[in-house]
Amino acid sequence: MRTMTNHSSGAGSQILVDGRPASAPLRDTRTVAQKLVRHFADNVTPCGALPGEQLQSDVMDFTVVCLGLGIQMLDEGISPTDEDLAEVRNSSARWAREGFPLKLVLRILHEGIREAGDLVASNARTEDLPELLAIQKVMFSLLECVTVAATTSYVEELEAVNSERDGAAVNLVTALLSGRKAATAARHAGVELADEYVVLGLSIPAHPTESVTHRRKTVVARQKLRRLQIELADASGGAALCSLSPDGGTLLLPGSPERAWMISLLDRIGAAAGVPLTATATRVRTAGIPAAAEQVHELLDLADRLALEPRLYEMDDLALEYQLTRPGPGRTHLARLLEPLDSSPELIETLEVHIGHDLNRQRTAKKMHLHTNTVDYRLKRVAQLTGYDPTRPSGLRQIQAALVARRLEVAQPER
């Protein structure tokens, strides 16, 4: 049922300007709409870039409908019903599916109603001031009605489109990771399969705001993930395939991107998410994706257990550590090489910091707030107690392997 709203200077009366209906300049809706469409093409960026047939059909029809709503409100004081606004909603939904920008829809609405208001008031006299105020009220009301209808419909349709696209992309990633034939899923997702991919395992730590008690952790985590996904799509040109949760997951990058580009990508998406990211990567032919995904996640788990700094790792970076993840007498033996240092934890700490700073004595001393002579003394004590000199290549190799084995023995003791 329609609701009556008094938009005029007299209840139930038609708004008049210079003794004529205020809607008179709009009543030849096709002619007025043609003038408005030309105005859009010349003044509303990027309307002028739209194909001529789209301006003359979609935008034209949309403008005619809005003019009709304005005439109804000026003549009858009747606010549009849901049925009246159906064509506004339908056009907006269609434009969302076709990729017509929402900001352009809104600019057409606002510019069109402003121009229509100017036409309605063009013949006003000084004594028509009350009617001009009533016209202004009608135009604001019209703008509110069509903006809400168009925006709501656009967003709902866009969400549906994204849901369809995301669902198809998820099915494609699932097929690739499971080793199933992915051609059908790729067609549904509108993706051309590459001959090879970089497979990345990605770890996404919690954002600091996830621990704020007055905000729901799951909401903040989803927002973090969404920011990351948006930046990933932009940085990769939409080419990256992913299966992600707020804690991490798997990325598939088509082709053979350079390591420097992948590091830059991680920096970008990490900045968008607001957290430092740890990733592990390997390059494979498409058929090798399932095995590669298992391997990169083993490497990712290893980086986590060893508390490595957030960055990109490949097998070349973690080959020794990866091999030592296999429990056995060799790993146990290596871990025991450092048992003489158990009563001197400062020596273990010095070794780890020294190795982590590329064996630079000055940087090690600065990090630990020590004199370089103290660092030298501790390294000599390590050599005396273990029999392996960390300042010599032969001893350093053994100590590095022993440190890794020691951490892994703590995290994953041999059964």
Protein backbone atom coordinates (compact mmCIF):
# COMPACT_ATOMS: atom_id res chain seq x y z
CA MET A 1 0.00 0.00 0.00
CA ARG A 2 1.34 3.45 -0.89
CA THR A 3 2.04 5.94 1.89
CA MET A 4 1.18 9.57 1.36
CA THR A 5 3.82 12.16 2.20
CA ASN A 6 3.15 15.89 2.14
CA HIS A 7 5.89 17.31 -0.13
CA SER A 8 3.96 20.46 -1.08
CA SER A 9 3.35 23.86 0.40
CA GLY A 10 -0.30 22.98 0.89
CA ALA A 11 -1.45 19.59 2.18
CA GLY A 12 -2.71 17.41 -0.67
CA SER A 13 -2.09 20.11 -3.32
CA GLN A 14 0.13 19.98 -6.37
CA ILE A 15 3.36 22.00 -6.19
CA LEU A 16 3.06 24.96 -8.56
CA VAL A 17 5.79 27.25 -9.92
CA ASP A 18 4.78 30.43 -11.71
CA GLY A 19 1.22 29.11 -11.66
CA ARG A 20 2.12 25.87 -13.48
CA PRO A 21 2.80 22.34 -12.13
CA ALA A 22 6.40 22.14 -10.93
CA SER A 23 6.79 18.85 -12.79
CA ALA A 24 5.97 20.44 -16.18
CA PRO A 25 9.63 20.79 -17.34
CA LEU A 26 10.13 17.04 -16.74
CA ARG A 27 7.00 15.65 -18.41
CA ASP A 28 8.58 15.01 -21.79
CA THR A 29 10.66 12.38 -20.06
CA ARG A 30 12.37 10.94 -23.17
CA THR A 31 13.59 14.36 -24.32
CA VAL A 32 14.71 15.36 -20.83
CA ALA A 33 16.39 11.99 -20.37
CA GLN A 34 18.29 12.38 -23.65
CA LYS A 35 19.60 15.77 -22.50
CA LEU A 36 20.63 14.31 -19.14
CA VAL A 37 22.40 11.35 -20.76
CA ARG A 38 24.40 13.76 -22.94
CA HIS A 39 25.21 15.71 -19.79
CA PHE A 40 26.41 12.49 -18.11
CA ALA A 41 28.62 11.67 -21.09
CA ASP A 42 30.23 15.10 -20.98
CA ASN A 43 30.50 15.65 -17.23
CA VAL A 44 30.34 12.38 -15.28
CA THR A 45 33.65 10.52 -15.47
CA PRO A 46 33.95 7.82 -16.80
CA CYS A 47 30.48 7.94 -18.38
CA GLY A 48 31.96 9.22 -21.62
CA ALA A 49 33.98 6.01 -21.94
CA LEU A 50 30.86 3.81 -21.93
CA PRO A 51 29.71 2.32 -25.25
CA GLY A 52 27.12 4.55 -26.94
CA GLU A 53 24.52 1.80 -26.96
CA GLN A 54 24.83 1.38 -23.20
CA LEU A 55 24.32 5.11 -22.65
CA GLN A 56 21.32 5.15 -24.99
CA SER A 57 19.68 2.04 -23.53
CA ASP A 58 20.61 1.16 -19.94
CA VAL A 59 21.39 4.67 -18.66
CA MET A 60 18.58 6.19 -20.71
CA ASP A 61 15.95 3.78 -19.35
CA PHE A 62 17.24 4.25 -15.82
CA THR A 63 16.99 8.04 -16.18
CA VAL A 64 13.43 7.86 -17.53
CA VAL A 65 12.34 5.75 -14.54
CA CYS A 66 13.87 8.21 -12.06
CA LEU A 67 12.23 11.17 -13.82
CA GLY A 68 8.89 9.40 -13.59
CA LEU A 69 9.35 8.93 -9.85
CA GLY A 70 10.17 12.63 -9.49
CA ILE A 71 7.03 13.67 -11.41
CA GLN A 72 4.89 11.41 -9.22
CA MET A 73 6.31 12.91 -6.05
CA LEU A 74 5.93 16.50 -7.26
CA ASP A 75 2.37 16.03 -8.54
CA GLU A 76 0.88 13.69 -5.95
CA GLY A 77 3.14 13.91 -2.88
CA ILE A 78 3.44 10.12 -3.00
CA SER A 79 6.69 8.42 -1.95
CA PRO A 80 7.79 5.54 -4.23
CA THR A 81 6.78 2.02 -3.19
CA ASP A 82 9.02 -1.01 -3.48
CA GLU A 83 7.19 -1.84 -6.69
CA ASP A 84 7.90 1.65 -8.08
CA LEU A 85 11.60 1.20 -7.33
CA ALA A 86 11.84 -2.28 -8.89
CA GLU A 87 13.40 -1.04 -12.13
CA VAL A 88 15.96 1.02 -10.19
CA ARG A 89 16.94 -2.11 -8.27
CA ASN A 90 17.01 -4.28 -11.40
CA SER A 91 19.21 -1.85 -13.32
CA SER A 92 21.59 -1.49 -10.40
CA ALA A 93 21.87 -5.27 -9.98
CA ARG A 94 22.52 -5.72 -13.69
CA TRP A 95 25.27 -3.10 -13.61
CA ALA A 96 26.88 -4.80 -10.60
CA ARG A 97 27.06 -8.08 -12.51
CA GLU A 98 28.48 -6.31 -15.58
CA GLY A 99 31.19 -4.57 -13.55
CA PHE A 100 29.65 -1.07 -13.83
CA PRO A 101 31.29 0.83 -10.89
CA LEU A 102 28.99 1.69 -7.97
CA LYS A 103 30.48 5.18 -7.72
CA LEU A 104 29.38 5.79 -11.32
CA VAL A 105 25.83 4.64 -10.55
CA LEU A 106 25.70 7.02 -7.60
CA ARG A 107 27.18 9.93 -9.57
CA ILE A 108 24.56 9.47 -12.29
CA LEU A 109 21.83 9.50 -9.65
CA HIS A 110 23.10 12.56 -7.84
CA GLU A 111 23.94 14.52 -10.98
CA GLY A 112 20.65 13.61 -12.65
CA ILE A 113 18.50 14.63 -9.69
CA ARG A 114 20.45 17.86 -9.26
CA GLU A 115 19.93 18.74 -12.94
CA ALA A 116 16.23 17.78 -12.73
CA GLY A 117 15.82 20.01 -9.68
CA ASP A 118 17.36 22.91 -11.57
CA LEU A 119 14.92 22.38 -14.44
CA VAL A 120 11.93 22.28 -12.10
CA ALA A 121 13.00 25.54 -10.43
CA SER A 122 14.06 27.33 -13.63
CA ASN A 123 10.83 29.36 -13.99
CA ALA A 124 10.42 30.24 -10.31
CA ARG A 125 9.54 33.79 -9.24
CA THR A 126 10.45 35.56 -6.01
CA GLU A 127 7.03 34.79 -4.55
CA ASP A 128 7.54 31.05 -5.25
CA LEU A 129 10.03 30.67 -2.38
CA PRO A 130 7.75 28.34 -0.32
CA GLU A 131 7.29 26.14 -3.40
CA LEU A 132 11.06 26.08 -4.02
CA LEU A 133 11.59 24.83 -0.47
CA ALA A 134 8.96 22.13 -1.07
CA ILE A 135 10.68 21.15 -4.34
CA GLN A 136 14.01 20.89 -2.53
CA LYS A 137 12.40 18.61 0.05
CA VAL A 138 10.96 16.40 -2.71
CA MET A 139 14.31 16.15 -4.50
CA PHE A 140 16.13 15.18 -1.31
CA SER A 141 13.47 12.55 -0.62
CA LEU A 142 13.75 11.22 -4.18
CA LEU A 143 17.54 11.07 -3.90
CA GLU A 144 17.27 9.14 -0.64
CA CYS A 145 14.80 6.60 -2.06
CA VAL A 146 16.69 5.83 -5.26
CA THR A 147 20.12 5.85 -3.59
CA VAL A 148 19.05 3.34 -0.95
CA ALA A 149 17.33 1.13 -3.54
CA ALA A 150 20.22 1.24 -6.02
CA THR A 151 22.98 0.78 -3.45
CA THR A 152 21.26 -2.06 -1.61
CA SER A 153 20.54 -3.94 -4.82
CA TYR A 154 24.05 -3.33 -6.18
CA VAL A 155 25.76 -4.61 -3.02
CA GLU A 156 23.51 -7.66 -2.76
CA GLU A 157 24.16 -8.59 -6.38
CA LEU A 158 27.89 -7.98 -6.04
CA GLU A 159 27.99 -10.26 -2.99
CA ALA A 160 26.20 -12.94 -4.97
CA VAL A 161 28.63 -12.57 -7.89
CA ASN A 162 31.63 -12.72 -5.56
CA SER A 163 30.19 -15.76 -3.82
CA GLU A 164 29.80 -17.54 -7.14
CA ARG A 165 33.30 -16.57 -8.22
CA ASP A 166 34.85 -17.47 -4.86
CA GLY A 167 33.06 -20.82 -4.83
CA ALA A 168 34.32 -21.67 -8.31
CA ALA A 169 37.86 -20.60 -7.36
CA VAL A 170 37.76 -22.72 -4.19
CA ASN A 171 36.64 -25.75 -6.24
CA LEU A 172 39.55 -25.18 -8.63
CA VAL A 173 42.13 -24.88 -5.83
CA THR A 174 40.69 -28.00 -4.16
CA ALA A 175 40.98 -29.94 -7.42
CA LEU A 176 44.59 -28.83 -7.96
CA LEU A 177 45.65 -29.60 -4.39
CA SER A 178 43.99 -33.02 -4.40
CA GLY A 179 45.41 -34.03 -7.77
CA ARG A 180 42.02 -34.35 -9.45
CA LYS A 181 41.44 -33.27 -13.03
CA ALA A 182 41.00 -29.51 -12.83
CA ALA A 183 39.98 -28.58 -16.38
CA THR A 184 36.24 -28.43 -15.66
CA ALA A 185 36.73 -26.49 -12.44
CA ALA A 186 39.04 -24.08 -14.27
CA ARG A 187 36.38 -23.39 -16.91
CA HIS A 188 33.76 -22.72 -14.23
CA ALA A 189 36.16 -20.32 -12.50
CA GLY A 190 37.06 -18.60 -15.76
CA VAL A 191 40.75 -19.45 -15.23
CA GLU A 192 43.26 -20.74 -17.75
CA LEU A 193 45.45 -23.38 -16.13
CA ALA A 194 49.20 -22.72 -16.24
CA ASP A 195 51.81 -25.35 -17.05
CA GLU A 196 53.62 -24.69 -13.79
CA TYR A 197 53.00 -22.99 -10.46
CA VAL A 198 54.82 -21.70 -7.44
CA VAL A 199 53.20 -23.35 -4.43
CA LEU A 200 53.40 -21.28 -1.24
CA GLY A 201 52.55 -22.29 2.28
CA LEU A 202 51.54 -19.18 4.20
CA SER A 203 51.44 -18.56 7.95
CA ILE A 204 49.38 -15.56 9.10
CA PRO A 205 49.88 -14.64 12.77
CA ALA A 206 47.17 -13.04 14.87
CA HIS A 207 46.75 -9.29 14.52
CA PRO A 208 47.31 -7.41 17.81
CA THR A 209 43.67 -6.26 17.81
CA GLU A 210 42.50 -9.89 17.87
CA SER A 211 43.37 -9.95 21.56
CA VAL A 212 41.33 -6.82 22.40
CA THR A 213 38.53 -8.07 24.60
CA HIS A 214 35.82 -5.63 23.48
CA ARG A 215 36.04 -6.81 19.87
CA ARG A 216 35.13 -10.29 18.70
CA LYS A 217 38.28 -12.17 17.75
CA THR A 218 36.66 -13.95 14.80
CA VAL A 219 35.41 -10.66 13.31
CA VAL A 220 38.84 -9.02 13.53
CA ALA A 221 40.51 -12.14 12.10
CA ARG A 222 38.14 -12.21 9.11
CA GLN A 223 38.76 -8.51 8.48
CA LYS A 224 42.51 -9.16 8.51
CA LEU A 225 42.09 -12.01 6.02
CA ARG A 226 39.84 -9.97 3.76
CA ARG A 227 42.36 -7.11 3.59
CA LEU A 228 45.05 -9.61 2.68
CA GLN A 229 42.89 -11.23 -0.03
CA ILE A 230 42.03 -7.88 -1.61
CA GLU A 231 45.69 -6.87 -1.76
CA LEU A 232 46.67 -10.31 -3.08
CA ALA A 233 44.16 -10.03 -5.92
CA ASP A 234 45.41 -6.54 -6.77
CA ALA A 235 49.12 -7.39 -6.55
CA SER A 236 48.79 -10.56 -8.64
CA GLY A 237 46.34 -9.12 -11.14
CA GLY A 238 43.78 -11.65 -9.96
CA ALA A 239 46.02 -14.54 -11.07
CA ALA A 240 46.81 -15.97 -7.62
CA LEU A 241 44.71 -18.93 -6.50
CA CYS A 242 44.36 -19.44 -2.79
CA SER A 243 42.87 -21.53 -0.04
CA LEU A 244 43.20 -19.41 3.09
CA SER A 245 41.90 -19.10 6.63
CA PRO A 246 42.76 -16.32 9.10
CA ASP A 247 45.72 -18.48 10.22
CA GLY A 248 47.16 -19.14 6.77
CA GLY A 249 46.89 -21.68 3.98
CA THR A 250 48.12 -22.27 0.44
CA LEU A 251 48.76 -19.94 -2.50
CA LEU A 252 49.24 -21.02 -6.11
CA LEU A 253 51.04 -18.50 -8.33
CA PRO A 254 50.98 -19.37 -12.05
CA GLY A 255 54.17 -19.32 -14.08
CA SER A 256 57.65 -18.72 -12.70
CA PRO A 257 57.66 -15.46 -10.73
CA GLU A 258 61.06 -14.32 -9.51
CA ARG A 259 61.97 -14.65 -5.84
CA ALA A 260 62.28 -10.87 -5.50
CA TRP A 261 58.73 -10.45 -6.80
CA MET A 262 57.42 -13.04 -4.33
CA ILE A 263 59.18 -11.25 -1.46
CA SER A 264 57.61 -7.99 -2.59
CA LEU A 265 54.20 -9.71 -2.76
CA LEU A 266 54.55 -10.99 0.81
CA ASP A 267 55.53 -7.50 1.97
CA ARG A 268 52.44 -6.00 0.32
CA ILE A 269 49.90 -8.50 1.58
CA GLY A 270 51.53 -8.55 5.01
CA ALA A 271 51.27 -4.77 5.23
CA ALA A 272 47.61 -4.97 4.21
CA ALA A 273 46.93 -7.58 6.88
CA GLY A 274 48.98 -5.64 9.44
CA VAL A 275 51.14 -8.65 10.38
CA PRO A 276 54.53 -10.08 9.29
CA LEU A 277 54.13 -13.21 7.16
CA THR A 278 56.13 -16.41 6.96
CA ALA A 279 55.97 -18.33 3.69
CA THR A 280 57.61 -21.39 2.16
CA ALA A 281 57.72 -21.98 -1.58
CA THR A 282 58.60 -24.47 -4.27
CA ARG A 283 58.16 -24.53 -8.06
CA VAL A 284 56.47 -27.46 -9.80
CA ARG A 285 54.60 -28.57 -12.88
CA THR A 286 50.84 -28.55 -12.41
CA ALA A 287 50.66 -32.30 -11.83
CA GLY A 288 53.11 -32.00 -8.94
CA ILE A 289 51.04 -29.52 -6.92
CA PRO A 290 49.68 -32.03 -4.31
CA ALA A 291 53.15 -33.30 -3.31
CA ALA A 292 54.59 -29.77 -3.43
CA ALA A 293 51.83 -28.46 -1.14
CA GLU A 294 52.61 -31.15 1.42
CA GLN A 295 56.30 -30.28 1.28
CA VAL A 296 55.89 -26.52 1.66
CA HIS A 297 53.65 -27.03 4.68
CA GLU A 298 56.24 -29.32 6.24
CA LEU A 299 58.76 -26.53 5.71
CA LEU A 300 56.31 -24.01 7.16
CA ASP A 301 55.80 -26.16 10.24
CA LEU A 302 59.58 -26.44 10.55
CA ALA A 303 60.01 -22.65 10.40
CA ASP A 304 57.41 -22.32 13.15
CA ARG A 305 59.05 -24.93 15.38
CA LEU A 306 62.45 -23.30 14.95
CA ALA A 307 60.92 -19.85 15.64
CA LEU A 308 62.52 -18.48 12.45
CA GLU A 309 62.01 -14.84 11.53
CA PRO A 310 59.03 -14.09 9.25
CA ARG A 311 60.12 -14.12 5.59
CA LEU A 312 60.13 -16.32 2.49
CA TYR A 313 61.92 -19.69 2.71
CA GLU A 314 62.64 -22.27 0.04
CA MET A 315 64.17 -25.72 0.36
CA ASP A 316 67.66 -24.28 -0.28
CA ASP A 317 67.25 -22.22 2.90
CA LEU A 318 66.12 -25.11 5.10
CA ALA A 319 67.57 -28.26 3.54
CA LEU A 320 69.65 -29.20 6.61
CA GLU A 321 66.85 -28.38 9.02
CA TYR A 322 64.34 -30.29 6.87
CA GLN A 323 66.50 -33.41 6.86
CA LEU A 324 66.96 -33.21 10.61
CA THR A 325 63.19 -33.28 11.14
CA ARG A 326 63.41 -37.04 10.62
CA PRO A 327 63.93 -38.49 14.12
CA GLY A 328 66.72 -41.00 14.41
CA PRO A 329 70.06 -41.78 16.08
CA GLY A 330 71.88 -39.21 13.93
CA ARG A 331 69.73 -36.34 15.10
CA THR A 332 69.88 -37.50 18.70
CA HIS A 333 73.66 -37.69 18.50
CA LEU A 334 73.88 -34.14 17.12
CA ALA A 335 71.60 -32.77 19.85
CA ARG A 336 73.80 -34.36 22.53
CA LEU A 337 76.88 -32.53 21.24
CA LEU A 338 75.68 -29.46 23.12
CA GLU A 339 74.83 -31.23 26.40
CA PRO A 340 78.06 -29.88 28.00
CA LEU A 341 76.50 -26.41 27.66
CA ASP A 342 73.32 -27.29 29.57
CA SER A 343 74.61 -25.65 32.73
CA SER A 344 75.61 -22.49 30.83
CA PRO A 345 72.53 -21.27 28.93
CA GLU A 346 74.26 -17.99 28.16
CA LEU A 347 76.65 -19.91 25.90
CA ILE A 348 73.73 -21.40 23.90
CA GLU A 349 72.19 -17.95 23.60
CA THR A 350 75.48 -16.46 22.42
CA LEU A 351 75.84 -19.15 19.76
CA GLU A 352 72.34 -18.58 18.44
CA VAL A 353 72.70 -14.80 18.31
CA HIS A 354 76.19 -15.03 16.77
CA ILE A 355 75.04 -17.38 14.01
CA GLY A 356 71.88 -15.33 13.47
CA HIS A 357 74.03 -12.24 12.90
CA ASP A 358 76.29 -13.85 10.26
CA LEU A 359 79.13 -14.49 12.75
CA ASN A 360 79.68 -10.76 13.22
CA ARG A 361 81.20 -10.20 16.67
CA GLN A 362 80.30 -6.51 16.83
CA ARG A 363 76.63 -7.06 15.93
CA THR A 364 76.44 -9.99 18.34
CA ALA A 365 77.87 -7.88 21.15
CA LYS A 366 75.48 -5.00 20.39
CA LYS A 367 72.48 -7.30 20.32
CA MET A 368 73.38 -8.90 23.64
CA HIS A 369 74.64 -5.67 25.26
CA LEU A 370 78.09 -7.20 25.80
CA HIS A 371 81.68 -6.23 25.11
CA THR A 372 83.18 -7.98 22.07
CA ASN A 373 85.80 -9.51 24.37
CA THR A 374 82.98 -11.20 26.31
CA VAL A 375 81.63 -12.65 23.05
CA ASP A 376 85.11 -13.96 22.18
CA TYR A 377 85.46 -15.52 25.64
CA ARG A 378 82.11 -17.30 25.39
CA LEU A 379 82.88 -18.69 21.95
CA LYS A 380 86.17 -20.05 23.27
CA ARG A 381 84.33 -21.68 26.20
CA VAL A 382 81.99 -23.38 23.72
CA ALA A 383 85.02 -24.82 21.91
CA GLN A 384 86.56 -26.00 25.20
CA LEU A 385 83.39 -27.67 26.47
CA THR A 386 82.16 -29.30 23.23
CA GLY A 387 85.35 -29.88 21.27
CA TYR A 388 83.93 -27.94 18.31
CA ASP A 389 85.24 -24.42 17.60
CA PRO A 390 82.41 -22.12 16.33
CA THR A 391 84.99 -19.74 14.85
CA ARG A 392 86.27 -22.41 12.41
CA PRO A 393 84.22 -23.74 9.43
CA SER A 394 84.55 -27.39 10.44
CA GLY A 395 83.38 -26.75 14.00
CA LEU A 396 80.68 -24.29 12.94
CA ARG A 397 78.96 -26.83 10.68
CA GLN A 398 78.65 -29.30 13.54
CA ILE A 399 77.42 -26.67 15.98
CA GLN A 400 74.81 -25.30 13.57
CA ALA A 401 73.46 -28.79 12.97
CA ALA A 402 73.53 -29.49 16.71
CA LEU A 403 71.54 -26.34 17.50
CA VAL A 404 68.85 -27.31 15.00
CA ALA A 405 68.75 -30.91 16.24
CA ARG A 406 68.52 -29.68 19.82
CA ARG A 407 65.46 -27.51 19.04
CA LEU A 408 63.78 -30.30 17.12
CA GLU A 409 64.45 -32.84 19.88
CA VAL A 410 62.66 -30.53 22.31
CA ALA A 411 59.75 -29.96 19.91
CA GLN A 412 59.57 -33.50 18.55
CA PRO A 413 61.38 -36.01 20.76
CA GLU A 414 62.19 -39.36 19.24
CA ARG A 415 59.53 -41.94 20.07
